[in-house]
Protein backbone atom coordinates (compact mmCIF):
# COMPACT_ATOMS: atom_id res chain seq x y z
CA MET A 1 0.00 0.00 0.00
CA VAL A 2 1.35 3.44 -0.97
CA SER A 3 1.73 5.66 2.06
CA PRO A 4 -0.09 9.03 2.24
CA GLU A 5 3.28 10.80 2.51
CA HIS A 6 4.56 9.12 -0.67
CA ARG A 7 1.37 10.04 -2.52
CA TYR A 8 1.69 13.59 -1.21
CA VAL A 9 5.28 14.16 -2.30
CA SER A 10 4.39 12.56 -5.64
CA GLY A 11 1.95 15.37 -6.31
CA GLU A 12 -1.40 14.19 -4.94
CA CYS A 13 -1.53 17.01 -2.40
CA GLU A 14 -5.20 17.95 -2.56
CA GLU A 15 -6.30 14.33 -2.90
CA VAL A 16 -4.32 13.23 0.14
CA TRP A 17 -5.69 16.02 2.30
CA ALA A 18 -9.22 15.25 1.11
CA ASP A 19 -8.73 11.62 2.15
CA ILE A 20 -7.33 12.71 5.52
CA ARG A 21 -10.28 15.01 6.16
CA HIS A 22 -12.68 12.16 5.35
CA LEU A 23 -11.16 10.16 8.22
CA GLY A 24 -12.75 12.46 10.79
CA PRO A 25 -10.83 11.98 14.06
CA VAL A 26 -7.49 10.49 13.05
CA PRO A 27 -7.20 6.79 14.03
CA ALA A 28 -4.16 6.02 16.17
CA GLY A 29 -2.84 3.64 13.54
CA LEU A 30 -2.68 6.44 10.95
CA ALA A 31 -1.42 9.23 13.21
CA SER A 32 2.23 8.99 12.14
CA ASP A 33 1.28 9.02 8.44
CA VAL A 34 -0.95 12.05 8.92
CA ASP A 35 1.74 13.83 10.94
CA ALA A 36 4.28 13.22 8.15
CA VAL A 37 1.93 14.78 5.59
CA ALA A 38 1.20 17.73 7.88
CA MET A 39 4.88 18.41 8.50
CA GLU A 40 5.76 18.29 4.79
CA THR A 41 2.79 20.56 4.07
CA MET A 42 3.98 23.18 6.52
CA ARG A 43 7.57 23.03 5.27
CA ARG A 44 6.18 24.05 1.89
CA VAL A 45 3.98 26.71 3.48
CA LEU A 46 7.05 28.12 5.25
CA ARG A 47 8.82 28.64 1.92
CA HIS A 48 5.83 30.59 0.63
CA VAL A 49 5.54 32.67 3.80
CA ARG A 50 9.20 33.66 3.58
CA ARG A 51 8.77 34.57 -0.08
CA ILE A 52 5.62 36.63 0.50
CA VAL A 53 7.10 38.44 3.51
CA ASP A 54 10.28 39.28 1.59
CA GLY A 55 8.20 40.55 -1.31
CA ALA A 56 6.01 42.69 0.91
CA ARG A 57 9.05 44.18 2.64
CA SER A 58 10.55 45.07 -0.73
CA LEU A 59 7.38 47.07 -1.38
CA GLY A 60 7.79 49.04 1.85
CA PHE A 61 5.53 46.97 4.09
CA THR A 62 5.40 48.22 7.69
CA PRO A 63 3.91 45.70 10.14
CA ALA A 64 1.17 46.89 12.46
CA PHE A 65 2.79 45.03 15.36
CA PRO A 66 6.54 44.53 14.78
CA GLU A 67 6.87 42.49 17.97
CA PHE A 68 4.57 39.82 16.46
CA GLY A 69 5.30 40.01 12.76
CA PRO A 70 5.39 39.92 9.95
CA HIS A 71 6.99 36.52 10.66
CA LEU A 72 8.46 34.93 13.77
CA GLU A 73 9.75 31.42 13.17
CA PRO A 74 9.29 28.91 16.00
CA THR A 75 11.97 28.19 18.58
CA ASP A 76 12.84 24.89 20.22
CA ASP A 77 10.86 26.05 23.26
CA ASP A 78 7.87 26.68 21.00
CA ARG A 79 8.10 23.16 19.61
CA ARG A 80 8.24 21.73 23.13
CA ASP A 81 5.15 23.77 24.02
CA VAL A 82 3.29 22.29 21.05
CA VAL A 83 4.01 18.80 22.37
CA ARG A 84 3.00 19.79 25.91
CA LEU A 85 -0.29 21.38 24.86
CA ASP A 86 -1.11 18.46 22.59
CA GLN A 87 -0.65 16.04 25.48
CA GLN A 88 -2.37 18.13 28.13
CA SER A 89 -5.35 19.11 26.02
CA GLY A 90 -6.31 15.72 24.71
CA GLY A 91 -5.27 16.53 21.19
CA LEU A 92 -4.38 19.38 18.85
CA PRO A 93 -5.06 18.96 15.11
CA ALA A 94 -2.09 17.66 13.13
CA ALA A 95 -2.14 20.63 10.74
CA LEU A 96 -2.17 23.12 13.62
CA ARG A 97 0.66 21.34 15.46
CA ALA A 98 2.76 21.29 12.31
CA CYS A 99 1.97 24.92 11.51
CA MET A 100 3.02 26.11 14.96
CA SER A 101 6.13 23.89 14.93
CA VAL A 102 7.34 24.71 11.42
CA VAL A 103 5.85 28.01 10.21
CA GLY A 104 5.41 29.94 13.45
CA ALA A 105 3.65 33.27 13.85
CA VAL A 106 2.66 35.35 10.82
CA ASP A 107 0.93 38.73 10.76
CA LEU A 108 0.73 40.63 7.49
CA SER A 109 -1.50 43.31 8.98
CA GLY A 110 0.11 46.67 8.41
CA ASP A 111 0.65 49.46 5.92
CA CYS A 112 1.76 48.91 2.35
CA PRO A 113 0.10 51.25 -0.19
CA PRO A 114 1.31 49.27 -3.27
CA LEU A 115 -0.63 46.27 -1.90
CA LYS A 116 -3.57 48.41 -0.74
CA LEU A 117 -2.86 47.27 2.81
CA TYR A 118 -3.64 49.87 5.45
CA TYR A 119 -3.71 49.72 9.23
CA TYR A 120 -2.37 52.87 10.91
CA ASP A 121 -2.18 54.97 7.75
CA PRO A 122 -5.45 54.59 5.86
CA GLU A 123 -5.37 56.25 2.47
CA TRP A 124 -8.44 54.74 0.90
CA ASP A 125 -12.07 55.69 0.94
CA GLU A 126 -14.36 52.88 2.11
CA ASN A 127 -16.59 53.69 -0.85
CA GLU A 128 -13.74 53.03 -3.29
CA ILE A 129 -12.37 49.71 -2.05
CA PRO A 130 -14.59 46.67 -2.69
CA ILE A 131 -13.18 44.36 -0.02
CA TYR A 132 -10.80 44.02 2.89
CA PRO A 133 -7.59 42.22 1.83
CA ASP A 134 -7.62 39.83 4.83
CA PRO A 135 -3.80 39.65 5.19
CA LEU A 136 -2.56 36.28 6.40
CA ALA A 137 -2.25 35.90 10.17
CA LEU A 138 -1.19 32.73 11.97
CA PRO A 139 -0.87 32.49 15.77
CA SER A 140 2.23 31.32 17.59
CA VAL A 141 2.05 28.51 20.11
CA ARG A 142 2.85 31.13 22.74
CA GLN A 143 -0.50 32.80 22.04
CA LEU A 144 -2.28 29.49 22.44
CA ARG A 145 -0.30 28.64 25.58
CA ASP A 146 -1.07 31.98 27.25
CA VAL A 147 -4.84 31.70 26.85
CA TRP A 148 -4.96 27.93 27.30
CA ASP A 149 -3.23 27.99 30.68
CA VAL A 150 -5.68 30.62 31.96
CA TYR A 151 -9.02 29.68 30.43
CA TYR A 152 -9.04 26.01 29.44
CA GLN A 153 -11.15 23.68 31.59
CA PRO A 154 -10.38 19.94 31.24
CA GLY A 155 -13.08 18.07 29.37
CA GLU A 156 -14.53 21.20 27.80
CA SER A 157 -14.13 22.58 24.30
CA PHE A 158 -12.21 25.81 23.91
CA ARG A 159 -12.79 28.48 21.27
CA PHE A 160 -9.32 29.70 20.38
CA ASP A 161 -9.10 33.17 18.83
CA PHE A 162 -7.00 32.04 15.88
CA ALA A 163 -6.72 35.44 14.19
CA PRO A 164 -8.58 38.73 13.74
CA ASP A 165 -11.15 38.68 10.97
CA ASP A 166 -10.65 40.61 7.72
CA ILE A 167 -12.25 43.80 9.07
CA HIS A 168 -10.28 43.77 12.30
CA LYS A 169 -7.06 43.28 10.32
CA ALA A 170 -7.77 46.67 8.74
CA ASN A 171 -7.90 48.33 12.19
CA THR A 172 -11.68 48.54 12.13
CA SER A 173 -13.92 47.06 14.80
CA GLY A 174 -14.60 43.51 13.69
CA ASP A 175 -14.59 39.94 14.94
CA VAL A 176 -12.15 37.04 15.21
CA GLN A 177 -11.48 33.88 13.25
CA VAL A 178 -11.97 30.97 15.64
CA MET A 179 -10.79 27.36 15.95
CA VAL A 180 -12.47 24.92 18.33
CA LEU A 181 -10.00 22.91 20.43
CA PRO A 182 -9.10 20.26 21.46
CA SER A 183 -9.71 18.29 18.30
CA LEU A 184 -8.48 15.01 16.83
CA LEU A 185 -9.32 16.17 13.32
CA ALA A 186 -6.21 16.56 11.20
CA ASP A 187 -7.28 19.73 9.40
CA PRO A 188 -9.48 21.91 11.61
CA VAL A 189 -12.10 24.37 10.42
CA ILE A 190 -11.43 28.09 10.89
CA GLU A 191 -14.70 29.85 11.67
CA ASN A 192 -15.63 33.40 10.60
CA VAL A 193 -13.56 33.48 7.41
CA ARG A 194 -15.59 35.72 5.14
CA GLY A 195 -17.29 33.83 2.33
CA ARG A 196 -15.89 30.43 3.42
CA ALA A 197 -17.97 29.10 6.30
CA GLU A 198 -16.29 25.67 6.48
CA ILE A 199 -12.76 26.40 5.31
CA THR A 200 -10.03 24.36 6.97
CA LEU A 201 -6.54 25.49 7.94
CA VAL A 202 -4.82 23.85 4.97
CA GLU A 203 -7.45 25.16 2.56
CA TYR A 204 -7.09 28.67 3.97
CA LEU A 205 -3.33 28.52 3.59
CA ARG A 206 -3.74 27.42 -0.03
CA LEU A 207 -6.09 30.32 -0.64
CA SER A 208 -3.73 32.76 1.04
CA VAL A 209 -0.71 31.63 -0.99
CA ALA A 210 -2.70 31.76 -4.21
CA TRP A 211 -3.50 35.41 -3.42
CA GLY A 212 -0.07 36.49 -2.27
CA GLY A 213 -1.02 36.53 1.41
CA CYS A 214 -4.15 38.63 0.85
CA PRO A 215 -7.00 36.20 0.08
CA GLY A 216 -9.70 38.84 0.47
CA TRP A 217 -8.94 39.97 -3.07
CA ARG A 218 -10.58 36.83 -4.42
CA PHE A 219 -13.91 38.64 -4.03
CA ALA A 220 -12.88 41.37 -6.50
CA PRO A 221 -9.88 40.20 -8.54
CA GLU A 222 -10.41 42.96 -11.08
CA HIS A 223 -9.55 45.51 -8.38
CA SER A 224 -6.54 43.70 -6.90
CA PRO A 225 -3.32 45.76 -6.95
CA ALA A 226 -0.77 45.04 -9.66
CA ALA A 227 1.96 44.77 -7.01
CA LEU A 228 0.20 41.70 -5.61
CA GLU A 229 0.72 39.61 -8.75
CA PRO A 230 4.42 38.74 -8.16
CA LEU A 231 3.54 37.55 -4.66
CA ARG A 232 0.91 35.12 -5.88
CA ALA A 233 1.73 31.48 -6.56
CA ALA A 234 0.02 28.18 -7.23
CA PRO A 235 0.15 26.32 -3.89
CA GLU A 236 1.91 22.98 -4.27
CA PHE A 237 0.71 21.68 -0.92
């Protein structure tokens, strides 16, 4: 039998993740295979994140919160925290564990006029822009650890504030994108992503990479900034 990891690296990326999602809670006998796919997925995501961040910086991107972004790669302590929280919680999704262990924290909220990204320095009229760009944001394990240690009650589900929603990322009062934890699903749903009620973490990352880190532009591609095009790529994960 061909392993999921072998199928994945052979090019069946979407098919393998579809099969993994159909498993529901990951059976113990398949956990190592699923983890291998998740880790390889996030290694590929990391390459795209580095590329997009470098491209945005070359365009004059200024992060809204320099202490958190635009990209903080995980430390060995972060990876140990992922293991600890996975064990203590009863299970973190494989894709989330891999993302926090390999990719780390990402926050593309900020100001970059060539990309029509604005946070502290708005230069656009709300009547002239058709959408909010929804710049990619991924939490660090430290963010999860800080809220988990304070609020989590054993045996209860926990609604983790995964990221601000697209409106909040533009420094306007909005909501948050949420992930329900703990979960034995490999690829968890992110709630409150505009226009994609059931989008999973891997699917959202694919969408983000395809739109150069600003997936909100999919709602009005004809208005997307020209500077975004070099940052876009076909996701190979």
